[in-house]
Protein backbone atom coordinates (compact mmCIF):
# COMPACT_ATOMS: atom_id res chain seq x y z
CA UNK A 1 2.19 -7.42 -11.35
CA UNK A 2 1.67 -10.93 -10.10
CA UNK A 3 4.99 -10.58 -8.29
CA UNK A 4 3.68 -7.52 -6.43
CA UNK A 5 0.65 -9.53 -5.30
CA UNK A 6 2.86 -12.45 -4.24
CA UNK A 7 5.00 -10.11 -2.16
CA UNK A 8 1.88 -8.67 -0.55
CA UNK A 9 0.69 -12.16 0.36
CA UNK A 10 4.08 -12.93 1.89
CA UNK A 11 3.93 -9.71 3.92
CA UNK A 12 0.39 -10.45 5.06
CA UNK A 13 1.52 -13.92 6.16
CA UNK A 14 4.08 -12.19 8.41
CA UNK A 15 1.33 -9.95 9.79
CA UNK A 16 -0.85 -12.97 10.56
CA UNK A 17 2.07 -14.82 12.13
CA UNK A 18 2.23 -12.04 14.72
CA UNK A 19 -1.42 -12.76 15.46
CA UNK A 20 -0.64 -16.45 15.98
CA UNK A 21 2.25 -15.45 18.25
CA UNK A 22 -0.05 -13.21 20.28
CA UNK A 23 -2.58 -16.00 20.68
CA UNK A 24 0.03 -18.59 21.66
CA UNK A 25 1.69 -16.42 24.30
CA UNK A 26 -1.68 -15.28 25.65
CA UNK A 27 -2.77 -18.89 26.14
CA UNK A 28 0.48 -19.81 27.89
CA UNK A 29 1.17 -16.87 30.20
CA UNK A 30 -0.42 -15.88 33.49
CA UNK A 31 -2.45 -13.13 31.81
CA UNK A 32 -0.45 -10.42 33.63
CA UNK A 33 1.88 -9.78 30.69
CA UNK A 34 0.72 -6.97 28.38
CA UNK A 35 0.76 -8.37 24.82
CA UNK A 36 -0.93 -5.41 23.18
CA UNK A 37 2.26 -4.24 21.47
CA UNK A 38 2.17 -7.37 19.33
CA UNK A 39 -1.20 -6.18 18.02
CA UNK A 40 0.23 -2.72 17.42
CA UNK A 41 3.09 -4.22 15.45
CA UNK A 42 0.54 -6.18 13.43
CA UNK A 43 -1.35 -3.03 12.55
CA UNK A 44 1.77 -1.11 11.52
CA UNK A 45 3.05 -4.01 9.40
CA UNK A 46 -0.37 -4.35 7.78
CA UNK A 47 -0.23 -0.77 6.52
CA UNK A 48 3.37 -1.30 5.41
CA UNK A 49 2.24 -4.30 3.36
CA UNK A 50 -0.41 -2.16 1.66
CA UNK A 51 2.05 0.67 1.02
CA UNK A 52 4.63 -1.70 -0.46
CA UNK A 53 2.01 -3.31 -2.71
CA UNK A 54 0.90 0.04 -4.15
CA UNK A 55 4.50 1.13 -4.72
CA UNK A 56 5.29 -2.10 -6.54
CA UNK A 57 2.16 -2.40 -8.65
CA UNK A 58 2.53 1.22 -9.78
CA UNK A 59 6.23 0.79 -10.57
CA UNK A 60 5.55 -2.35 -12.59
CA UNK A 61 2.60 -0.72 -14.34
CA UNK A 62 4.70 2.29 -15.33
CA UNK A 63 7.35 0.02 -16.79
CA UNK A 64 4.60 -1.78 -18.72
CA UNK A 65 3.52 1.56 -20.19
CA UNK A 66 7.10 2.34 -21.20
CA UNK A 67 7.39 -1.09 -22.84
CA UNK A 68 4.09 -0.63 -24.74
CA UNK A 69 2.26 -3.30 -22.76
CA UNK A 70 -0.20 -0.86 -21.24
CA UNK A 71 -1.91 2.29 -22.51
CA UNK A 72 -0.20 5.53 -21.58
CA UNK A 73 -1.90 7.81 -19.05
CA UNK A 74 -1.79 11.58 -18.59
CA UNK A 75 -0.21 11.18 -15.17
CA UNK A 76 2.52 8.96 -16.62
CA UNK A 77 3.27 11.63 -19.22
CA UNK A 78 3.49 14.24 -16.45
CA UNK A 79 5.89 12.01 -14.54
CA UNK A 80 8.16 11.70 -17.59
CA UNK A 81 8.07 15.45 -18.24
CA UNK A 82 9.19 16.15 -14.69
CA UNK A 83 12.28 13.95 -14.97
CA UNK A 84 15.52 15.93 -15.10
CA UNK A 85 16.15 16.97 -18.71
CA UNK A 86 19.80 15.93 -18.46
CA UNK A 87 18.72 12.39 -17.67
CA UNK A 88 16.37 12.31 -20.65
CA UNK A 89 19.08 13.77 -22.91
CA UNK A 90 21.59 11.20 -21.75
CA UNK A 91 19.05 8.45 -22.40
CA UNK A 92 18.46 9.77 -25.93
CA UNK A 93 22.19 10.06 -26.70
CA UNK A 94 22.97 6.61 -25.40
CA UNK A 95 19.84 5.21 -27.06
CA UNK A 96 18.98 3.20 -24.01
CA UNK A 97 16.47 0.59 -25.10
CA UNK A 98 15.88 -1.01 -21.71
CA UNK A 99 13.84 0.41 -18.86
CA UNK A 100 16.56 0.38 -16.20
CA UNK A 101 16.82 4.17 -16.18
CA UNK A 102 13.06 4.58 -15.70
CA UNK A 103 12.95 1.93 -12.99
CA UNK A 104 15.59 3.91 -11.10
CA UNK A 105 13.69 7.18 -11.55
CA UNK A 106 10.46 5.66 -10.26
CA UNK A 107 12.17 4.24 -7.18
CA UNK A 108 14.00 7.53 -6.61
CA UNK A 109 10.95 9.79 -6.94
CA UNK A 110 8.53 7.49 -5.11
CA UNK A 111 10.98 6.36 -2.46
CA UNK A 112 9.96 8.94 0.13
CA UNK A 113 6.25 8.89 -0.71
CA UNK A 114 3.61 7.04 1.26
CA UNK A 115 0.81 5.37 -0.69
CA UNK A 116 -1.44 4.60 2.25
CA UNK A 117 -4.38 6.98 2.54
CA UNK A 118 -7.19 6.55 0.02
CA UNK A 119 -6.38 9.81 -1.78
CA UNK A 120 -2.68 8.96 -2.08
CA UNK A 121 -3.44 5.49 -3.42
CA UNK A 122 -5.78 7.06 -5.95
CA UNK A 123 -3.04 9.48 -7.09
CA UNK A 124 -0.58 6.61 -7.43
CA UNK A 125 -2.88 4.33 -9.43
CA UNK A 126 -3.71 7.19 -11.82
CA UNK A 127 -0.15 6.84 -13.11
CA UNK A 128 -1.13 3.50 -14.64
CA UNK A 129 -4.93 3.56 -14.86
CA UNK A 130 -7.09 6.65 -15.56
CA UNK A 131 -10.29 5.32 -14.04
CA UNK A 132 -11.86 6.53 -10.77
CA UNK A 133 -10.23 3.88 -8.58
CA UNK A 134 -12.53 4.05 -5.58
CA UNK A 135 -15.65 4.16 -7.72
CA UNK A 136 -14.44 1.00 -9.46
CA UNK A 137 -13.61 -0.72 -6.17
CA UNK A 138 -16.99 0.26 -4.73
CA UNK A 139 -18.70 -1.11 -7.81
CA UNK A 140 -16.89 -4.45 -7.55
CA UNK A 141 -17.65 -4.81 -3.86
CA UNK A 142 -21.18 -3.37 -4.04
CA UNK A 143 -20.27 -0.86 -1.33
CA UNK A 144 -20.31 2.91 -1.00
CA UNK A 145 -17.22 4.68 -2.37
CA UNK A 146 -16.95 7.22 0.47
CA UNK A 147 -17.47 4.56 3.12
CA UNK A 148 -14.60 2.54 1.68
CA UNK A 149 -12.26 5.53 1.67
CA UNK A 150 -13.28 6.48 5.19
CA UNK A 151 -12.66 2.94 6.46
CA UNK A 152 -9.21 2.80 4.92
CA UNK A 153 -8.27 6.25 6.22
CA UNK A 154 -9.30 5.23 9.73
CA UNK A 155 -6.93 2.26 9.50
CA UNK A 156 -4.14 4.57 8.36
CA UNK A 157 -4.93 7.07 11.11
CA UNK A 158 -4.71 4.27 13.69
CA UNK A 159 -1.35 3.26 12.25
CA UNK A 160 -0.11 6.85 12.58
CA UNK A 161 -1.17 6.96 16.24
CA UNK A 162 0.97 3.89 16.86
CA UNK A 163 3.93 4.89 14.71
CA UNK A 164 4.12 8.61 15.52
CA UNK A 165 2.57 8.93 18.97
CA UNK A 166 3.68 5.60 20.54
CA UNK A 167 -0.09 5.01 20.72
CA UNK A 168 -0.28 7.22 23.81
CA UNK A 169 -3.43 9.30 24.21
CA UNK A 170 -2.12 12.89 24.51
CA UNK A 171 -4.53 14.21 27.15
CA UNK A 172 -4.38 11.41 29.72
CA UNK A 173 -0.96 10.03 28.72
CA UNK A 174 -2.27 6.47 28.64
CA UNK A 175 -1.97 3.77 26.02
CA UNK A 176 -4.93 3.56 23.68
CA UNK A 177 -6.80 0.29 23.73
CA UNK A 178 -6.26 -2.07 20.82
CA UNK A 179 -8.43 -5.13 20.21
CA UNK A 180 -7.69 -8.37 18.40
CA UNK A 181 -11.03 -8.16 16.62
CA UNK A 182 -10.26 -4.70 15.24
CA UNK A 183 -6.85 -5.79 13.95
CA UNK A 184 -8.35 -8.85 12.27
CA UNK A 185 -11.09 -6.75 10.67
CA UNK A 186 -8.44 -4.35 9.35
CA UNK A 187 -6.44 -7.22 7.88
CA UNK A 188 -9.50 -8.57 6.09
CA UNK A 189 -10.40 -5.12 4.78
CA UNK A 190 -6.91 -4.42 3.41
CA UNK A 191 -6.72 -7.87 1.81
CA UNK A 192 -10.03 -7.19 0.06
CA UNK A 193 -8.91 -3.77 -1.17
CA UNK A 194 -5.60 -5.11 -2.47
CA UNK A 195 -7.23 -8.05 -4.26
CA UNK A 196 -9.73 -5.72 -5.91
CA UNK A 197 -7.06 -3.24 -7.04
CA UNK A 198 -5.02 -6.11 -8.43
CA UNK A 199 -8.04 -7.42 -10.33
CA UNK A 200 -8.77 -3.98 -11.76
CA UNK A 201 -5.30 -3.08 -13.00
CA UNK A 202 -3.66 -6.35 -13.97
CA UNK A 203 -3.05 -7.12 -17.63
CA UNK A 204 -3.29 -10.81 -18.35
CA UNK A 205 -0.02 -12.17 -19.71
């Protein structure tokens, strides 16, 4: 799981580098060049970093369950039961002792899923941890559970406006405004959420 966190930190560094690029160009140009798309790219990459982290930490956690390093969950059992019976039969016949087959199944079944919105992240984490994720996060941060979920979902909604609507307001056909301060606040929020999830689910080696 530490590897998943390291990858997240690398991805966040890329997100922040875009912010440095925006600042540098802004300070050098004649102020007539529109640099707002750099901020939009930052926001989209930020959500991608979160999504990738959840995918990885869940995949690693599921492999830990399979290898008896973590307690099994009901959602993990459901996942196994839904795997094609031919695959499970082949595994049994070949007496596969490693987790390569499961790793493939997780990547295959989760490959087209997005773990971005609060509810989807909750569903994903339940595969490896049965606790009420957002209640636990709220407790650690001394914040309101629903407020946290709402804040995250607003960040995801903003990402969807950029990614699926070219960030164009449908009624007036104009670009929505995007502010440096809002992007930076979103980065800090996502970093805090990821660090808290990591703290909650990691098993010390």
